[in-house]
Amino acid sequence: MNEREIIEHIASLGRLESNSDLVKGIGDDCAVVRRDDQRAWLLTLDTLIESVHFDCSFHPAYKLGRKVVSVNVSDIGAMGGTPLFALLSVGMPPDFDQEWFCQFSSGITDACYEYGVLLIGGDTVKSPQGLNFSLTLIGEARLDEVIYRSTAQLGDTVWVSGPLGWAAAGLELLQQGKGELGGELEPLFEKHRNPRARVSFGASLGRSGLIHAMMDLSDGLATDLAHLCKASGVGAVFDAELLPGKSLLCQATQHIKKDPVDWAIRGGEDFELLFTASSESESQLLAMAQEFDLRATPVGRITQDLGVRMRRRAANGRLVEEPVSYTGFDHFQEPGKRDGK
């Protein structure tokens, strides 16, 4: 079973969704639970495992602490909500480095402060197999302002809130011992080590009434757009030439032989927002993004034909479309054995 099939199997256990206050359970960035007649709680959890999500040899403790918070806050932002409370679970070997842990804790604390999150509890355990951290985040939003991934409409424009593939490129450069490059490539390293959640922009989009569907980009555009399309019962096509951030990815290919488009659509850990809206809202959305110093980019459109397709220019100069659904990051698939590959 791959990651998607595991989640679908768990979601099929209908008895897990039997509470009348549950507005949305498994299948979106957050669970949505009715708080009162007007507001909802948003609940999410993410886990970071050493050697899977981070490598301490090139991931500073302080920035790792910040990342633990940011990846969870990103889920709240993707639902149009505001983060409020956090519960942290820490697993470490018995001989852990106390100075390292103090720096990590400072990253947690500073990120919580910046996002307006109050750390209210958690758990600490011995972990013989290395470091692992889980953060449960509780946020809120007005019931009528929560944005789901299941409400995209035919003809919608598909948007992303920022550059794609930078975190994946930065990680690959670091894994190959090229972290000393820095300079113009530093944003790639920073995107992996210290991502910024677009939570304020997401909340603004939720309040605007302009957005039909939204989710965060954690597994790559090819997979996350496929999730959004499946939930909405639609398809999508996007244009490789419109993907933002490719110029810096092209610079990275001078040091690693790689197709920059592959980083952009399959790399994962972008933690940008993926959303859809009517084409008539373009000027308003561009202006909103500018207020948050972001360059939101329209990259495609929602279609009636199911699945996700990418339009790109072939070697002969002709525009071709190829299916790319679910070809992004998957914890339980080996590279080269992804769905559709």
C-alpha atoms as a PDB file:
ATOM      1  CA  MET A   1       0.000   0.000   0.000  1.00  0.00           C
ATOM      2  CA  ASN A   2       1.215   3.502  -0.762  1.00  0.00           C
ATOM      3  CA  GLU A   3       0.590   6.550   1.416  1.00  0.00           C
ATOM      4  CA  ARG A   4      -2.619   7.513  -0.385  1.00  0.00           C
ATOM      5  CA  GLU A   5      -4.038   3.990  -0.114  1.00  0.00           C
ATOM      6  CA  ILE A   6      -3.240   3.848   3.607  1.00  0.00           C
ATOM      7  CA  ILE A   7      -5.102   7.106   4.231  1.00  0.00           C
ATOM      8  CA  GLU A   8      -8.040   6.008   2.088  1.00  0.00           C
ATOM      9  CA  HIS A   9      -8.268   2.730   4.007  1.00  0.00           C
ATOM     10  CA  ILE A  10      -8.326   4.517   7.365  1.00  0.00           C
ATOM     11  CA  ALA A  11     -10.895   7.010   6.041  1.00  0.00           C
ATOM     12  CA  SER A  12     -13.106   4.113   4.905  1.00  0.00           C
ATOM     13  CA  LEU A  13     -13.633   3.144   8.544  1.00  0.00           C
ATOM     14  CA  GLY A  14     -16.816   5.176   8.750  1.00  0.00           C
ATOM     15  CA  ARG A  15     -17.308   4.579  12.455  1.00  0.00           C
ATOM     16  CA  LEU A  16     -14.462   7.036  13.055  1.00  0.00           C
ATOM     17  CA  GLU A  17     -16.717   9.868  11.847  1.00  0.00           C
ATOM     18  CA  SER A  18     -19.824   9.521  14.026  1.00  0.00           C
ATOM     19  CA  ASN A  19     -19.897  12.750  16.067  1.00  0.00           C
ATOM     20  CA  SER A  20     -22.466  15.384  15.114  1.00  0.00           C
ATOM     21  CA  ASP A  21     -19.992  18.186  15.871  1.00  0.00           C
ATOM     22  CA  LEU A  22     -17.515  16.851  13.312  1.00  0.00           C
ATOM     23  CA  VAL A  23     -17.769  19.019  10.189  1.00  0.00           C
ATOM     24  CA  LYS A  24     -14.846  17.446   8.303  1.00  0.00           C
ATOM     25  CA  GLY A  25     -12.745  14.449   9.265  1.00  0.00           C
ATOM     26  CA  ILE A  26     -10.021  12.623   7.360  1.00  0.00           C
ATOM     27  CA  GLY A  27      -9.327  13.921   3.873  1.00  0.00           C
ATOM     28  CA  ASP A  28      -8.316  17.568   4.223  1.00  0.00           C
ATOM     29  CA  ASP A  29      -5.426  19.561   5.701  1.00  0.00           C
ATOM     30  CA  CYS A  30      -7.214  19.773   9.063  1.00  0.00           C
ATOM     31  CA  ALA A  31     -10.109  18.149  10.832  1.00  0.00           C
ATOM     32  CA  VAL A  32     -12.907  20.664  11.339  1.00  0.00           C
ATOM     33  CA  VAL A  33     -14.950  20.462  14.552  1.00  0.00           C
ATOM     34  CA  ARG A  34     -17.871  22.757  15.332  1.00  0.00           C
ATOM     35  CA  ARG A  35     -17.033  25.119  18.206  1.00  0.00           C
ATOM     36  CA  ASP A  36     -20.360  26.947  18.233  1.00  0.00           C
ATOM     37  CA  ASP A  37     -22.911  28.164  15.687  1.00  0.00           C
ATOM     38  CA  GLN A  38     -20.405  30.495  14.031  1.00  0.00           C
ATOM     39  CA  ARG A  39     -16.892  29.143  14.603  1.00  0.00           C
ATOM     40  CA  ALA A  40     -14.963  25.920  14.155  1.00  0.00           C
ATOM     41  CA  TRP A  41     -11.873  24.340  15.641  1.00  0.00           C
ATOM     42  CA  LEU A  42      -9.193  23.269  13.137  1.00  0.00           C
ATOM     43  CA  LEU A  43      -6.981  20.377  14.255  1.00  0.00           C
ATOM     44  CA  THR A  44      -3.882  18.963  12.594  1.00  0.00           C
ATOM     45  CA  LEU A  45      -0.780  16.933  13.443  1.00  0.00           C
ATOM     46  CA  ASP A  46       2.572  16.472  11.704  1.00  0.00           C
ATOM     47  CA  THR A  47       5.568  14.331  12.600  1.00  0.00           C
ATOM     48  CA  LEU A  48       9.212  14.911  11.658  1.00  0.00           C
ATOM     49  CA  ILE A  49      11.542  11.896  11.823  1.00  0.00           C
ATOM     50  CA  GLU A  50      15.330  12.021  11.738  1.00  0.00           C
ATOM     51  CA  SER A  51      16.807  10.724   8.445  1.00  0.00           C
ATOM     52  CA  VAL A  52      13.342  10.966   6.834  1.00  0.00           C
ATOM     53  CA  HIS A  53      12.491  14.654   7.231  1.00  0.00           C
ATOM     54  CA  PHE A  54      15.775  16.091   8.448  1.00  0.00           C
ATOM     55  CA  ASP A  55      19.491  15.393   8.778  1.00  0.00           C
ATOM     56  CA  CYS A  56      21.169  16.972  11.797  1.00  0.00           C
ATOM     57  CA  SER A  57      24.498  17.137   9.953  1.00  0.00           C
ATOM     58  CA  PHE A  58      23.191  20.023   7.867  1.00  0.00           C
ATOM     59  CA  HIS A  59      19.955  21.077   9.602  1.00  0.00           C
ATOM     60  CA  PRO A  60      20.669  23.496  12.485  1.00  0.00           C
ATOM     61  CA  ALA A  61      18.731  22.729  15.662  1.00  0.00           C
ATOM     62  CA  TYR A  62      17.194  26.209  15.889  1.00  0.00           C
ATOM     63  CA  LYS A  63      15.825  26.085  12.332  1.00  0.00           C
ATOM     64  CA  LEU A  64      14.552  22.544  12.832  1.00  0.00           C
ATOM     65  CA  GLY A  65      12.546  23.771  15.811  1.00  0.00           C
ATOM     66  CA  ARG A  66      11.059  26.492  13.680  1.00  0.00           C
ATOM     67  CA  LYS A  67      10.237  24.007  10.923  1.00  0.00           C
ATOM     68  CA  VAL A  68       8.362  21.687  13.298  1.00  0.00           C
ATOM     69  CA  VAL A  69       5.980  24.573  13.977  1.00  0.00           C
ATOM     70  CA  SER A  70       5.791  25.979  10.440  1.00  0.00           C
ATOM     71  CA  VAL A  71       4.772  22.738   8.719  1.00  0.00           C
ATOM     72  CA  ASN A  72       1.779  22.451  11.068  1.00  0.00           C
ATOM     73  CA  VAL A  73       0.825  26.109  10.846  1.00  0.00           C
ATOM     74  CA  SER A  74       0.793  25.687   7.069  1.00  0.00           C
ATOM     75  CA  ASP A  75      -2.124  23.246   7.385  1.00  0.00           C
ATOM     76  CA  ILE A  76      -4.133  25.769   9.404  1.00  0.00           C
ATOM     77  CA  GLY A  77      -3.433  28.470   6.822  1.00  0.00           C
ATOM     78  CA  ALA A  78      -4.531  26.132   4.027  1.00  0.00           C
ATOM     79  CA  MET A  79      -7.993  25.957   5.609  1.00  0.00           C
ATOM     80  CA  GLY A  80      -8.224  29.740   5.963  1.00  0.00           C
ATOM     81  CA  GLY A  81      -7.771  29.597   9.739  1.00  0.00           C
ATOM     82  CA  THR A  82      -5.756  31.137  12.556  1.00  0.00           C
ATOM     83  CA  PRO A  83      -3.431  28.950  14.687  1.00  0.00           C
ATOM     84  CA  LEU A  84      -3.916  29.133  18.474  1.00  0.00           C
ATOM     85  CA  PHE A  85      -2.549  26.227  20.548  1.00  0.00           C
ATOM     86  CA  ALA A  86       0.109  23.528  20.160  1.00  0.00           C
ATOM     87  CA  LEU A  87       0.953  20.203  21.838  1.00  0.00           C
ATOM     88  CA  LEU A  88       4.508  18.949  21.310  1.00  0.00           C
ATOM     89  CA  SER A  89       5.747  15.359  21.539  1.00  0.00           C
ATOM     90  CA  VAL A  90       9.537  14.967  21.746  1.00  0.00           C
ATOM     91  CA  GLY A  91      11.370  11.668  21.240  1.00  0.00           C
ATOM     92  CA  MET A  92      15.146  11.667  21.801  1.00  0.00           C
ATOM     93  CA  PRO A  93      17.916   9.178  22.620  1.00  0.00           C
ATOM     94  CA  PRO A  94      18.881   9.019  26.318  1.00  0.00           C
ATOM     95  CA  ASP A  95      22.301  10.565  25.547  1.00  0.00           C
ATOM     96  CA  PHE A  96      20.876  13.557  23.633  1.00  0.00           C
ATOM     97  CA  ASP A  97      22.946  16.732  23.311  1.00  0.00           C
ATOM     98  CA  GLN A  98      21.532  19.210  25.809  1.00  0.00           C
ATOM     99  CA  GLU A  99      22.897  22.264  23.984  1.00  0.00           C
ATOM    100  CA  TRP A 100      21.342  21.007  20.748  1.00  0.00           C
ATOM    101  CA  PHE A 101      17.997  20.582  22.499  1.00  0.00           C
ATOM    102  CA  CYS A 102      18.144  24.102  23.971  1.00  0.00           C
ATOM    103  CA  GLN A 103      18.675  25.562  20.496  1.00  0.00           C
ATOM    104  CA  PHE A 104      15.867  23.407  19.086  1.00  0.00           C
ATOM    105  CA  SER A 105      13.556  24.588  21.871  1.00  0.00           C
ATOM    106  CA  SER A 106      14.423  28.207  21.096  1.00  0.00           C
ATOM    107  CA  GLY A 107      13.354  27.619  17.495  1.00  0.00           C
ATOM    108  CA  ILE A 108      10.053  26.150  18.673  1.00  0.00           C
ATOM    109  CA  THR A 109       9.469  29.067  21.031  1.00  0.00           C
ATOM    110  CA  ASP A 110      10.319  31.797  18.519  1.00  0.00           C
ATOM    111  CA  ALA A 111       8.192  30.269  15.763  1.00  0.00           C
ATOM    112  CA  CYS A 112       5.227  29.875  18.108  1.00  0.00           C
ATOM    113  CA  TYR A 113       5.555  33.523  19.112  1.00  0.00           C
ATOM    114  CA  GLU A 114       5.744  34.719  15.498  1.00  0.00           C
ATOM    115  CA  TYR A 115       2.686  32.714  14.446  1.00  0.00           C
ATOM    116  CA  GLY A 116       0.698  33.597  17.554  1.00  0.00           C
ATOM    117  CA  VAL A 117       0.674  30.022  18.874  1.00  0.00           C
ATOM    118  CA  LEU A 118       0.659  29.089  22.563  1.00  0.00           C
ATOM    119  CA  LEU A 119       2.458  25.846  23.465  1.00  0.00           C
ATOM    120  CA  ILE A 120       0.188  24.281  26.094  1.00  0.00           C
ATOM    121  CA  GLY A 121       1.538  20.748  26.664  1.00  0.00           C
ATOM    122  CA  GLY A 122       2.759  17.519  25.109  1.00  0.00           C
ATOM    123  CA  ASP A 123       4.953  14.527  25.913  1.00  0.00           C
ATOM    124  CA  THR A 124       8.633  13.531  26.137  1.00  0.00           C
ATOM    125  CA  VAL A 125       9.840   9.984  25.514  1.00  0.00           C
ATOM    126  CA  LYS A 126      13.068   8.036  25.026  1.00  0.00           C
ATOM    127  CA  SER A 127      13.668   7.202  21.361  1.00  0.00           C
ATOM    128  CA  PRO A 128      16.473   4.652  20.754  1.00  0.00           C
ATOM    129  CA  GLN A 129      16.120   5.050  16.980  1.00  0.00           C
ATOM    130  CA  GLY A 130      16.927   8.771  16.779  1.00  0.00           C
ATOM    131  CA  LEU A 131      15.080  12.068  17.024  1.00  0.00           C
ATOM    132  CA  ASN A 132      11.385  12.412  16.278  1.00  0.00           C
ATOM    133  CA  PHE A 133       8.971  15.258  16.903  1.00  0.00           C
ATOM    134  CA  SER A 134       5.195  15.488  16.580  1.00  0.00           C
ATOM    135  CA  LEU A 135       3.213  18.679  16.913  1.00  0.00           C
ATOM    136  CA  THR A 136      -0.549  18.859  17.250  1.00  0.00           C
ATOM    137  CA  LEU A 137      -1.909  22.266  16.325  1.00  0.00           C
ATOM    138  CA  ILE A 138      -5.324  23.702  17.157  1.00  0.00           C
ATOM    139  CA  GLY A 139      -6.650  26.676  15.238  1.00  0.00           C
ATOM    140  CA  GLU A 140      -9.973  28.288  14.524  1.00  0.00           C
ATOM    141  CA  ALA A 141     -11.971  29.918  11.745  1.00  0.00           C
ATOM    142  CA  ARG A 142     -15.497  31.049  11.051  1.00  0.00           C
ATOM    143  CA  LEU A 143     -17.545  28.109   9.810  1.00  0.00           C
ATOM    144  CA  ASP A 144     -18.462  29.992   6.645  1.00  0.00           C
ATOM    145  CA  GLU A 145     -14.831  30.939   5.950  1.00  0.00           C
ATOM    146  CA  VAL A 146     -13.221  27.479   6.181  1.00  0.00           C
ATOM    147  CA  ILE A 147     -11.791  26.539   2.767  1.00  0.00           C
ATOM    148  CA  TYR A 148     -11.793  22.862   1.767  1.00  0.00           C
ATOM    149  CA  ARG A 149      -9.964  21.025  -0.983  1.00  0.00           C
ATOM    150  CA  SER A 150     -13.229  19.474  -2.196  1.00  0.00           C
ATOM    151  CA  THR A 151     -14.927  22.563  -3.656  1.00  0.00           C
ATOM    152  CA  ALA A 152     -12.983  23.429  -6.822  1.00  0.00           C
ATOM    153  CA  GLN A 153     -15.214  24.423  -9.733  1.00  0.00           C
ATOM    154  CA  LEU A 154     -14.953  23.741 -13.467  1.00  0.00           C
ATOM    155  CA  GLY A 155     -13.128  26.538 -15.225  1.00  0.00           C
ATOM    156  CA  ASP A 156     -11.339  27.730 -12.069  1.00  0.00           C
ATOM    157  CA  THR A 157      -7.818  29.036 -12.347  1.00  0.00           C
ATOM    158  CA  VAL A 158      -5.226  27.051 -10.379  1.00  0.00           C
ATOM    159  CA  TRP A 159      -2.884  29.210  -8.284  1.00  0.00           C
ATOM    160  CA  VAL A 160       0.239  28.721  -6.162  1.00  0.00           C
ATOM    161  CA  SER A 161       1.390  31.276  -3.598  1.00  0.00           C
ATOM    162  CA  GLY A 162       5.129  31.096  -4.280  1.00  0.00           C
ATOM    163  CA  PRO A 163       8.081  29.269  -5.859  1.00  0.00           C
ATOM    164  CA  LEU A 164       7.945  25.497  -6.252  1.00  0.00           C
ATOM    165  CA  GLY A 165      10.749  22.967  -5.937  1.00  0.00           C
ATOM    166  CA  TRP A 166      13.147  25.121  -3.944  1.00  0.00           C
ATOM    167  CA  ALA A 167      13.061  22.968  -0.800  1.00  0.00           C
ATOM    168  CA  ALA A 168      13.619  19.782  -2.819  1.00  0.00           C
ATOM    169  CA  ALA A 169      16.522  21.319  -4.712  1.00  0.00           C
ATOM    170  CA  GLY A 170      18.056  22.671  -1.513  1.00  0.00           C
ATOM    171  CA  LEU A 171      17.772  19.278   0.176  1.00  0.00           C
ATOM    172  CA  GLU A 172      19.382  17.455  -2.744  1.00  0.00           C
ATOM    173  CA  LEU A 173      22.261  19.940  -2.845  1.00  0.00           C
ATOM    174  CA  LEU A 174      22.805  19.501   0.899  1.00  0.00           C
ATOM    175  CA  GLN A 175      22.671  15.711   0.627  1.00  0.00           C
ATOM    176  CA  GLN A 176      25.377  15.860  -2.018  1.00  0.00           C
ATOM    177  CA  GLY A 177      27.627  17.989   0.181  1.00  0.00           C
ATOM    178  CA  LYS A 178      27.130  21.229  -1.716  1.00  0.00           C
ATOM    179  CA  GLY A 179      25.866  23.317   1.188  1.00  0.00           C
ATOM    180  CA  GLU A 180      28.914  25.558   0.993  1.00  0.00           C
ATOM    181  CA  LEU A 181      27.658  27.028  -2.295  1.00  0.00           C
ATOM    182  CA  GLY A 182      25.409  29.542  -0.504  1.00  0.00           C
ATOM    183  CA  GLY A 183      25.195  32.895  -2.258  1.00  0.00           C
ATOM    184  CA  GLU A 184      22.409  32.991  -4.829  1.00  0.00           C
ATOM    185  CA  LEU A 185      21.422  29.418  -3.956  1.00  0.00           C
ATOM    186  CA  GLU A 186      20.918  30.163  -0.247  1.00  0.00           C
ATOM    187  CA  PRO A 187      17.109  30.565  -0.678  1.00  0.00           C
ATOM    188  CA  LEU A 188      16.981  26.893  -1.715  1.00  0.00           C
ATOM    189  CA  PHE A 189      18.713  25.778   1.492  1.00  0.00           C
ATOM    190  CA  GLU A 190      16.575  28.088   3.595  1.00  0.00           C
ATOM    191  CA  LYS A 191      13.373  26.781   2.013  1.00  0.00           C
ATOM    192  CA  HIS A 192      14.268  23.283   3.218  1.00  0.00           C
ATOM    193  CA  ARG A 193      15.652  24.220   6.632  1.00  0.00           C
ATOM    194  CA  ASN A 194      13.315  27.035   7.620  1.00  0.00           C
ATOM    195  CA  PRO A 195      10.087  27.175   5.554  1.00  0.00           C
ATOM    196  CA  ARG A 196       7.606  29.984   6.140  1.00  0.00           C
ATOM    197  CA  ALA A 197       3.934  29.084   6.469  1.00  0.00           C
ATOM    198  CA  ARG A 198       1.582  31.312   4.442  1.00  0.00           C
ATOM    199  CA  VAL A 199      -0.944  31.380   7.259  1.00  0.00           C
ATOM    200  CA  SER A 200      -1.756  35.110   7.192  1.00  0.00           C
ATOM    201  CA  PHE A 201      -2.314  35.004   3.452  1.00  0.00           C
ATOM    202  CA  GLY A 202      -4.426  31.857   3.812  1.00  0.00           C
ATOM    203  CA  ALA A 203      -6.634  33.484   6.446  1.00  0.00           C
ATOM    204  CA  SER A 204      -7.037  36.526   4.216  1.00  0.00           C
ATOM    205  CA  LEU A 205      -8.038  34.300   1.295  1.00  0.00           C
ATOM    206  CA  GLY A 206     -10.591  32.579   3.518  1.00  0.00           C
ATOM    207  CA  ARG A 207     -12.147  35.900   4.506  1.00  0.00           C
ATOM    208  CA  SER A 208     -12.134  37.217   0.935  1.00  0.00           C
ATOM    209  CA  GLY A 209     -14.802  34.889  -0.423  1.00  0.00           C
ATOM    210  CA  LEU A 210     -12.807  34.636  -3.667  1.00  0.00           C
ATOM    211  CA  ILE A 211     -11.402  31.134  -3.165  1.00  0.00           C
ATOM    212  CA  HIS A 212     -13.237  27.947  -4.072  1.00  0.00           C
ATOM    213  CA  ALA A 213     -10.734  25.303  -2.896  1.00  0.00           C
ATOM    214  CA  MET A 214      -7.358  25.331  -1.164  1.00  0.00           C
ATOM    215  CA  MET A 215      -4.685  23.106   0.404  1.00  0.00           C
ATOM    216  CA  ASP A 216      -1.019  23.375   1.254  1.00  0.00           C
ATOM    217  CA  LEU A 217       1.747  22.015  -0.947  1.00  0.00           C
ATOM    218  CA  SER A 218       3.681  19.430   1.049  1.00  0.00           C
ATOM    219  CA  ASP A 219       4.072  16.476  -1.353  1.00  0.00           C
ATOM    220  CA  GLY A 220       4.606  18.355  -4.623  1.00  0.00           C
ATOM    221  CA  LEU A 221       2.226  19.908  -7.134  1.00  0.00           C
ATOM    222  CA  ALA A 222       1.675  16.652  -9.051  1.00  0.00           C
ATOM    223  CA  THR A 223       0.354  14.833  -5.978  1.00  0.00           C
ATOM    224  CA  ASP A 224      -1.309  17.658  -4.074  1.00  0.00           C
ATOM    225  CA  LEU A 225      -3.222  18.960  -7.089  1.00  0.00           C
ATOM    226  CA  ALA A 226      -4.337  15.374  -7.735  1.00  0.00           C
ATOM    227  CA  HIS A 227      -5.636  15.196  -4.141  1.00  0.00           C
ATOM    228  CA  LEU A 228      -7.559  18.445  -4.616  1.00  0.00           C
ATOM    229  CA  CYS A 229      -8.995  17.282  -7.932  1.00  0.00           C
ATOM    230  CA  LYS A 230     -10.062  13.890  -6.605  1.00  0.00           C
ATOM    231  CA  ALA A 231     -11.764  15.479  -3.607  1.00  0.00           C
ATOM    232  CA  SER A 232     -13.586  17.910  -5.913  1.00  0.00           C
ATOM    233  CA  GLY A 233     -14.476  15.381  -8.618  1.00  0.00           C
ATOM    234  CA  VAL A 234     -12.637  17.339 -11.311  1.00  0.00           C
ATOM    235  CA  GLY A 235      -9.363  17.326 -13.246  1.00  0.00           C
ATOM    236  CA  ALA A 236      -6.687  19.909 -13.951  1.00  0.00           C
ATOM    237  CA  VAL A 237      -4.056  20.904 -16.441  1.00  0.00           C
ATOM    238  CA  PHE A 238      -1.100  23.161 -15.653  1.00  0.00           C
ATOM    239  CA  ASP A 239       1.638  24.697 -17.754  1.00  0.00           C
ATOM    240  CA  ALA A 240       5.266  23.852 -16.938  1.00  0.00           C
ATOM    241  CA  GLU A 241       6.398  27.179 -18.352  1.00  0.00           C
ATOM    242  CA  LEU A 242       4.299  29.056 -15.772  1.00  0.00           C
ATOM    243  CA  LEU A 243       5.707  27.336 -12.665  1.00  0.00           C
ATOM    244  CA  PRO A 244       7.297  30.015 -10.459  1.00  0.00           C
ATOM    245  CA  GLY A 245      10.898  29.826  -9.234  1.00  0.00           C
ATOM    246  CA  LYS A 246      12.385  27.921 -12.179  1.00  0.00           C
ATOM    247  CA  SER A 247      15.219  30.386 -12.785  1.00  0.00           C
ATOM    248  CA  LEU A 248      16.874  29.561  -9.449  1.00  0.00           C
ATOM    249  CA  LEU A 249      16.256  25.846 -10.016  1.00  0.00           C
ATOM    250  CA  CYS A 250      18.055  26.157 -13.352  1.00  0.00           C
ATOM    251  CA  GLN A 251      21.046  27.643 -11.529  1.00  0.00           C
ATOM    252  CA  ALA A 252      21.026  24.634  -9.203  1.00  0.00           C
ATOM    253  CA  THR A 253      21.189  22.284 -12.199  1.00  0.00           C
ATOM    254  CA  GLN A 254      24.675  23.614 -12.879  1.00  0.00           C
ATOM    255  CA  HIS A 255      25.732  21.636  -9.802  1.00  0.00           C
ATOM    256  CA  ILE A 256      23.299  18.690 -10.016  1.00  0.00           C
ATOM    257  CA  LYS A 257      22.115  17.150 -13.246  1.00  0.00           C
ATOM    258  CA  LYS A 258      18.358  17.407 -12.856  1.00  0.00           C
ATOM    259  CA  ASP A 259      15.238  18.530 -14.682  1.00  0.00           C
ATOM    260  CA  PRO A 260      14.105  21.674 -12.798  1.00  0.00           C
ATOM    261  CA  VAL A 261      10.481  20.868 -13.625  1.00  0.00           C
ATOM    262  CA  ASP A 262      10.843  17.564 -11.783  1.00  0.00           C
ATOM    263  CA  TRP A 263      11.883  19.426  -8.637  1.00  0.00           C
ATOM    264  CA  ALA A 264       9.014  21.862  -9.094  1.00  0.00           C
ATOM    265  CA  ILE A 265       6.200  19.315  -9.406  1.00  0.00           C
ATOM    266  CA  ARG A 266       7.475  16.270  -7.488  1.00  0.00           C
ATOM    267  CA  GLY A 267       9.878  17.532  -4.842  1.00  0.00           C
ATOM    268  CA  GLY A 268       7.568  18.288  -1.938  1.00  0.00           C
ATOM    269  CA  GLU A 269       7.948  20.449   1.192  1.00  0.00           C
ATOM    270  CA  ASP A 270       7.102  23.667  -0.640  1.00  0.00           C
ATOM    271  CA  PHE A 271       4.579  24.637   2.063  1.00  0.00           C
ATOM    272  CA  GLU A 272       3.045  27.158  -0.321  1.00  0.00           C
ATOM    273  CA  LEU A 273      -0.702  27.414  -0.808  1.00  0.00           C
ATOM    274  CA  LEU A 274      -2.442  25.722  -3.736  1.00  0.00           C
ATOM    275  CA  PHE A 275      -5.845  27.238  -4.441  1.00  0.00           C
ATOM    276  CA  THR A 276      -8.477  27.688  -7.129  1.00  0.00           C
ATOM    277  CA  ALA A 277     -10.670  30.652  -7.969  1.00  0.00           C
ATOM    278  CA  SER A 278     -12.702  32.101 -10.798  1.00  0.00           C
ATOM    279  CA  SER A 279     -10.608  33.683 -13.540  1.00  0.00           C
ATOM    280  CA  GLU A 280     -12.486  36.929 -12.879  1.00  0.00           C
ATOM    281  CA  SER A 281     -10.737  37.227  -9.505  1.00  0.00           C
ATOM    282  CA  GLU A 282      -7.190  37.391 -10.917  1.00  0.00           C
ATOM    283  CA  SER A 283      -6.496  41.094 -10.370  1.00  0.00           C
ATOM    284  CA  GLN A 284      -7.865  40.986  -6.810  1.00  0.00           C
ATOM    285  CA  LEU A 285      -5.804  37.924  -5.911  1.00  0.00           C
ATOM    286  CA  LEU A 286      -2.616  39.420  -7.323  1.00  0.00           C
ATOM    287  CA  ALA A 287      -3.204  42.562  -5.274  1.00  0.00           C
ATOM    288  CA  MET A 288      -3.895  40.528  -2.115  1.00  0.00           C
ATOM    289  CA  ALA A 289      -0.695  38.536  -2.543  1.00  0.00           C
ATOM    290  CA  GLN A 290       1.293  41.724  -3.017  1.00  0.00           C
ATOM    291  CA  GLU A 291       0.025  42.977   0.353  1.00  0.00           C
ATOM    292  CA  PHE A 292       1.769  39.968   1.935  1.00  0.00           C
ATOM    293  CA  ASP A 293       4.908  40.419  -0.187  1.00  0.00           C
ATOM    294  CA  LEU A 294       4.078  37.238  -2.114  1.00  0.00           C
ATOM    295  CA  ARG A 295       4.036  36.554  -5.846  1.00  0.00           C
ATOM    296  CA  ALA A 296       1.010  34.337  -6.331  1.00  0.00           C
ATOM    297  CA  THR A 297       1.010  32.747  -9.770  1.00  0.00           C
ATOM    298  CA  PRO A 298      -1.785  31.277 -11.911  1.00  0.00           C
ATOM    299  CA  VAL A 299      -0.381  28.036 -13.332  1.00  0.00           C
ATOM    300  CA  GLY A 300      -3.355  26.141 -14.782  1.00  0.00           C
ATOM    301  CA  ARG A 301      -7.079  25.506 -14.786  1.00  0.00           C
ATOM    302  CA  ILE A 302      -9.663  23.046 -13.501  1.00  0.00           C
ATOM    303  CA  THR A 303     -11.128  20.767 -16.182  1.00  0.00           C
ATOM    304  CA  GLN A 304     -13.889  18.225 -16.579  1.00  0.00           C
ATOM    305  CA  ASP A 305     -11.455  15.476 -17.608  1.00  0.00           C
ATOM    306  CA  LEU A 306     -10.315  13.677 -14.450  1.00  0.00           C
ATOM    307  CA  GLY A 307      -6.662  13.454 -13.450  1.00  0.00           C
ATOM    308  CA  VAL A 308      -3.850  16.000 -13.563  1.00  0.00           C
ATOM    309  CA  ARG A 309      -1.956  16.750 -16.743  1.00  0.00           C
ATOM    310  CA  MET A 310       1.076  18.912 -17.391  1.00  0.00           C
ATOM    311  CA  ARG A 311       1.499  20.889 -20.579  1.00  0.00           C
ATOM    312  CA  ARG A 312       5.112  21.394 -21.654  1.00  0.00           C
ATOM    313  CA  ARG A 313       7.083  21.999 -24.816  1.00  0.00           C
ATOM    314  CA  ALA A 314       8.624  18.904 -26.398  1.00  0.00           C
ATOM    315  CA  ALA A 315      12.058  18.760 -28.037  1.00  0.00           C
ATOM    316  CA  ASN A 316      10.450  19.415 -31.437  1.00  0.00           C
ATOM    317  CA  GLY A 317       8.872  22.622 -30.122  1.00  0.00           C
ATOM    318  CA  ARG A 318       5.303  21.317 -29.958  1.00  0.00           C
ATOM    319  CA  LEU A 319       3.183  21.660 -26.829  1.00  0.00           C
ATOM    320  CA  VAL A 320       2.258  18.257 -25.394  1.00  0.00           C
ATOM    321  CA  GLU A 321       0.264  17.127 -22.361  1.00  0.00           C
ATOM    322  CA  GLU A 322       1.349  14.291 -20.094  1.00  0.00           C
ATOM    323  CA  PRO A 323      -0.406  12.757 -17.056  1.00  0.00           C
ATOM    324  CA  VAL A 324       1.349  13.469 -13.761  1.00  0.00           C
ATOM    325  CA  SER A 325      -1.242  12.566 -11.088  1.00  0.00           C
ATOM    326  CA  TYR A 326       0.226  11.368  -7.780  1.00  0.00           C
ATOM    327  CA  THR A 327       3.846  11.403  -8.960  1.00  0.00           C
ATOM    328  CA  GLY A 328       5.057  13.557  -6.074  1.00  0.00           C
ATOM    329  CA  PHE A 329       6.584  12.491  -2.759  1.00  0.00           C
ATOM    330  CA  ASP A 330       5.160   9.370  -1.085  1.00  0.00           C
ATOM    331  CA  HIS A 331       6.600   7.937   2.148  1.00  0.00           C
ATOM    332  CA  PHE A 332       5.828   4.363   1.105  1.00  0.00           C
ATOM    333  CA  GLN A 333       6.899   4.379  -2.552  1.00  0.00           C
ATOM    334  CA  GLU A 334      10.445   3.892  -3.770  1.00  0.00           C
ATOM    335  CA  PRO A 335      11.793   6.526  -6.195  1.00  0.00           C
ATOM    336  CA  GLY A 336      10.896   5.592  -9.753  1.00  0.00           C
ATOM    337  CA  LYS A 337       7.913   3.474  -8.607  1.00  0.00           C
ATOM    338  CA  ARG A 338       5.389   6.235  -8.034  1.00  0.00           C
ATOM    339  CA  ASP A 339       1.825   6.043  -9.305  1.00  0.00           C
ATOM    340  CA  GLY A 340       1.770   6.800 -12.984  1.00  0.00           C
ATOM    341  CA  LYS A 341       5.467   6.079 -13.430  1.00  0.00           C
END
